[in-house]
Amino acid sequence: VQLVEFGGGLVQAGGSLRLSCAASGFTFRYYVMKWYRQAPGKERELVAGVTIDGGRKSYAESVKGRFTISRDKRKNTLYLQMNSLKPEDTAVYYCKAEGQGSNTEYWGQGTQVTVSS
């Protein structure tokens, strides 16, 4: 099982990044997918989530209107489009897969996002 995030980097405030999370080794379309982030010295927090069919999406208040989560079942990939980035968005971003009706969950290794002011 693998979840590999990429697309992070250094961007100026107001800029955009698109994170991707490539899934393999499990049936992607049967899992709820989420993005989390963890800033230095802070706890990991939920950023966004998307249901199995992609029909429902949820966001943390701090990113609503700026971030968009999506999934592509053909490519087994989860995305996070991040616009109007702020320095407080600086963190390591992780994707997570959650099995329905089970305690199965998988995490990626994370990708660093740094927003300069």
C-alpha atoms as a PDB file:
ATOM      1  CA  VAL A   1       0.000   0.000   0.000  1.00  0.00           C
ATOM      2  CA  GLN A   2       1.309   3.432  -0.915  1.00  0.00           C
ATOM      3  CA  LEU A   3       0.116   7.003  -0.752  1.00  0.00           C
ATOM      4  CA  VAL A   4       2.615   9.356  -2.321  1.00  0.00           C
ATOM      5  CA  GLU A   5       2.091  13.100  -2.095  1.00  0.00           C
ATOM      6  CA  PHE A   6       3.786  15.575  -4.381  1.00  0.00           C
ATOM      7  CA  GLY A   7       3.366  19.120  -5.590  1.00  0.00           C
ATOM      8  CA  GLY A   8       4.519  20.947  -2.472  1.00  0.00           C
ATOM      9  CA  GLY A   9       7.071  23.702  -2.527  1.00  0.00           C
ATOM     10  CA  LEU A  10       7.813  27.335  -1.770  1.00  0.00           C
ATOM     11  CA  VAL A  11       5.333  29.968  -2.917  1.00  0.00           C
ATOM     12  CA  GLN A  12       4.690  33.618  -2.139  1.00  0.00           C
ATOM     13  CA  ALA A  13       1.607  34.693  -0.262  1.00  0.00           C
ATOM     14  CA  GLY A  14      -1.340  34.948  -2.626  1.00  0.00           C
ATOM     15  CA  GLY A  15       0.013  32.213  -4.854  1.00  0.00           C
ATOM     16  CA  SER A  16      -1.307  28.758  -5.686  1.00  0.00           C
ATOM     17  CA  LEU A  17      -0.187  25.167  -5.471  1.00  0.00           C
ATOM     18  CA  ARG A  18      -1.798  21.893  -6.448  1.00  0.00           C
ATOM     19  CA  LEU A  19      -1.029  18.872  -4.323  1.00  0.00           C
ATOM     20  CA  SER A  20      -1.493  15.350  -5.617  1.00  0.00           C
ATOM     21  CA  CYS A  21      -1.658  12.058  -3.757  1.00  0.00           C
ATOM     22  CA  ALA A  22      -1.136   8.937  -5.843  1.00  0.00           C
ATOM     23  CA  ALA A  23      -2.639   5.788  -4.334  1.00  0.00           C
ATOM     24  CA  SER A  24      -1.654   2.202  -5.017  1.00  0.00           C
ATOM     25  CA  GLY A  25      -1.992  -1.215  -3.419  1.00  0.00           C
ATOM     26  CA  PHE A  26      -5.596  -0.812  -2.326  1.00  0.00           C
ATOM     27  CA  THR A  27      -8.982  -0.130  -3.924  1.00  0.00           C
ATOM     28  CA  PHE A  28      -8.940   3.650  -3.990  1.00  0.00           C
ATOM     29  CA  ARG A  29     -12.574   4.043  -4.973  1.00  0.00           C
ATOM     30  CA  TYR A  30     -13.753   2.367  -1.748  1.00  0.00           C
ATOM     31  CA  TYR A  31     -11.995   4.799   0.580  1.00  0.00           C
ATOM     32  CA  VAL A  32     -12.894   8.199   1.954  1.00  0.00           C
ATOM     33  CA  MET A  33      -9.939  10.480   1.284  1.00  0.00           C
ATOM     34  CA  LYS A  34      -8.700  13.390   3.371  1.00  0.00           C
ATOM     35  CA  TRP A  35      -5.945  15.972   3.513  1.00  0.00           C
ATOM     36  CA  TYR A  36      -4.320  16.875   6.806  1.00  0.00           C
ATOM     37  CA  ARG A  37      -1.539  19.279   7.647  1.00  0.00           C
ATOM     38  CA  GLN A  38       0.886  19.782  10.473  1.00  0.00           C
ATOM     39  CA  ALA A  39       2.742  22.984  11.138  1.00  0.00           C
ATOM     40  CA  PRO A  40       5.868  23.084  13.329  1.00  0.00           C
ATOM     41  CA  GLY A  41       4.969  22.830  16.992  1.00  0.00           C
ATOM     42  CA  LYS A  42       1.304  22.211  16.256  1.00  0.00           C
ATOM     43  CA  GLU A  43      -0.961  19.207  16.137  1.00  0.00           C
ATOM     44  CA  ARG A  44      -1.958  17.617  12.867  1.00  0.00           C
ATOM     45  CA  GLU A  45      -5.248  19.090  11.671  1.00  0.00           C
ATOM     46  CA  LEU A  46      -7.861  18.057   9.140  1.00  0.00           C
ATOM     47  CA  VAL A  47      -7.905  20.336   6.106  1.00  0.00           C
ATOM     48  CA  ALA A  48     -10.419  18.734   3.746  1.00  0.00           C
ATOM     49  CA  GLY A  49     -12.244  15.500   3.037  1.00  0.00           C
ATOM     50  CA  VAL A  50     -14.123  13.925   0.140  1.00  0.00           C
ATOM     51  CA  THR A  51     -16.566  11.033   0.105  1.00  0.00           C
ATOM     52  CA  ILE A  52     -16.102   7.814  -1.824  1.00  0.00           C
ATOM     53  CA  ASP A  53     -18.074   8.997  -4.827  1.00  0.00           C
ATOM     54  CA  GLY A  54     -16.680  12.502  -4.673  1.00  0.00           C
ATOM     55  CA  GLY A  55     -20.132  13.936  -4.170  1.00  0.00           C
ATOM     56  CA  ARG A  56     -19.585  15.542  -0.782  1.00  0.00           C
ATOM     57  CA  LYS A  57     -16.642  17.641   0.296  1.00  0.00           C
ATOM     58  CA  SER A  58     -15.845  19.275   3.592  1.00  0.00           C
ATOM     59  CA  TYR A  59     -13.273  21.878   4.592  1.00  0.00           C
ATOM     60  CA  ALA A  60     -11.730  23.408   7.658  1.00  0.00           C
ATOM     61  CA  GLU A  61     -12.997  26.932   8.239  1.00  0.00           C
ATOM     62  CA  SER A  62      -9.519  28.313   7.729  1.00  0.00           C
ATOM     63  CA  VAL A  63      -9.344  27.098   4.116  1.00  0.00           C
ATOM     64  CA  LYS A  64     -12.940  27.399   2.927  1.00  0.00           C
ATOM     65  CA  GLY A  65     -13.220  29.303  -0.301  1.00  0.00           C
ATOM     66  CA  ARG A  66      -9.489  28.949  -0.997  1.00  0.00           C
ATOM     67  CA  PHE A  67      -8.848  25.187  -1.172  1.00  0.00           C
ATOM     68  CA  THR A  68     -10.612  22.581  -3.287  1.00  0.00           C
ATOM     69  CA  ILE A  69     -10.352  18.842  -2.769  1.00  0.00           C
ATOM     70  CA  SER A  70     -11.071  16.406  -5.587  1.00  0.00           C
ATOM     71  CA  ARG A  71     -10.424  12.818  -6.593  1.00  0.00           C
ATOM     72  CA  ASP A  72      -9.948  10.972  -9.864  1.00  0.00           C
ATOM     73  CA  LYS A  73     -10.939   7.321  -9.595  1.00  0.00           C
ATOM     74  CA  ARG A  74      -9.434   6.506 -12.998  1.00  0.00           C
ATOM     75  CA  LYS A  75      -6.032   7.773 -11.928  1.00  0.00           C
ATOM     76  CA  ASN A  76      -6.348   6.671  -8.267  1.00  0.00           C
ATOM     77  CA  THR A  77      -5.304  10.159  -7.287  1.00  0.00           C
ATOM     78  CA  LEU A  78      -6.438  12.711  -4.731  1.00  0.00           C
ATOM     79  CA  TYR A  79      -5.877  16.426  -5.283  1.00  0.00           C
ATOM     80  CA  LEU A  80      -5.841  19.605  -3.249  1.00  0.00           C
ATOM     81  CA  GLN A  81      -5.952  22.857  -5.176  1.00  0.00           C
ATOM     82  CA  MET A  82      -4.749  25.639  -2.908  1.00  0.00           C
ATOM     83  CA  ASN A  83      -5.309  29.249  -3.922  1.00  0.00           C
ATOM     84  CA  SER A  84      -4.728  32.563  -2.157  1.00  0.00           C
ATOM     85  CA  LEU A  85      -2.145  30.926   0.039  1.00  0.00           C
ATOM     86  CA  LYS A  86      -1.202  32.557   3.320  1.00  0.00           C
ATOM     87  CA  PRO A  87       1.912  32.186   5.473  1.00  0.00           C
ATOM     88  CA  GLU A  88      -0.217  30.366   8.051  1.00  0.00           C
ATOM     89  CA  ASP A  89      -0.829  27.629   5.472  1.00  0.00           C
ATOM     90  CA  THR A  90       2.812  26.626   5.840  1.00  0.00           C
ATOM     91  CA  ALA A  91       2.904  22.999   6.962  1.00  0.00           C
ATOM     92  CA  VAL A  92       3.585  19.446   5.914  1.00  0.00           C
ATOM     93  CA  TYR A  93       0.526  18.192   4.071  1.00  0.00           C
ATOM     94  CA  TYR A  94      -0.532  14.550   4.313  1.00  0.00           C
ATOM     95  CA  CYS A  95      -3.169  12.526   2.528  1.00  0.00           C
ATOM     96  CA  LYS A  96      -5.104   9.816   4.314  1.00  0.00           C
ATOM     97  CA  ALA A  97      -7.319   6.985   3.146  1.00  0.00           C
ATOM     98  CA  GLU A  98     -10.081   5.720   5.452  1.00  0.00           C
ATOM     99  CA  GLY A  99     -11.834   2.430   4.866  1.00  0.00           C
ATOM    100  CA  GLN A 100     -15.592   2.400   5.338  1.00  0.00           C
ATOM    101  CA  GLY A 101     -16.954   0.027   7.946  1.00  0.00           C
ATOM    102  CA  SER A 102     -13.459  -0.865   9.105  1.00  0.00           C
ATOM    103  CA  ASN A 103     -10.586   0.620  11.035  1.00  0.00           C
ATOM    104  CA  THR A 104      -8.322   0.507   8.024  1.00  0.00           C
ATOM    105  CA  GLU A 105      -6.453   3.695   7.295  1.00  0.00           C
ATOM    106  CA  TYR A 106      -3.371   4.645   5.328  1.00  0.00           C
ATOM    107  CA  TRP A 107      -1.186   7.744   5.443  1.00  0.00           C
ATOM    108  CA  GLY A 108       1.201   9.275   2.981  1.00  0.00           C
ATOM    109  CA  GLN A 109       4.666  10.500   3.924  1.00  0.00           C
ATOM    110  CA  GLY A 110       3.789  14.171   3.509  1.00  0.00           C
ATOM    111  CA  THR A 111       4.865  17.054   1.319  1.00  0.00           C
ATOM    112  CA  GLN A 112       6.146  20.397   2.554  1.00  0.00           C
ATOM    113  CA  VAL A 113       4.297  23.586   1.663  1.00  0.00           C
ATOM    114  CA  THR A 114       5.983  26.857   2.578  1.00  0.00           C
ATOM    115  CA  VAL A 115       4.288  30.200   1.996  1.00  0.00           C
ATOM    116  CA  SER A 116       6.472  33.273   2.279  1.00  0.00           C
ATOM    117  CA  SER A 117       5.114  36.690   3.193  1.00  0.00           C
END
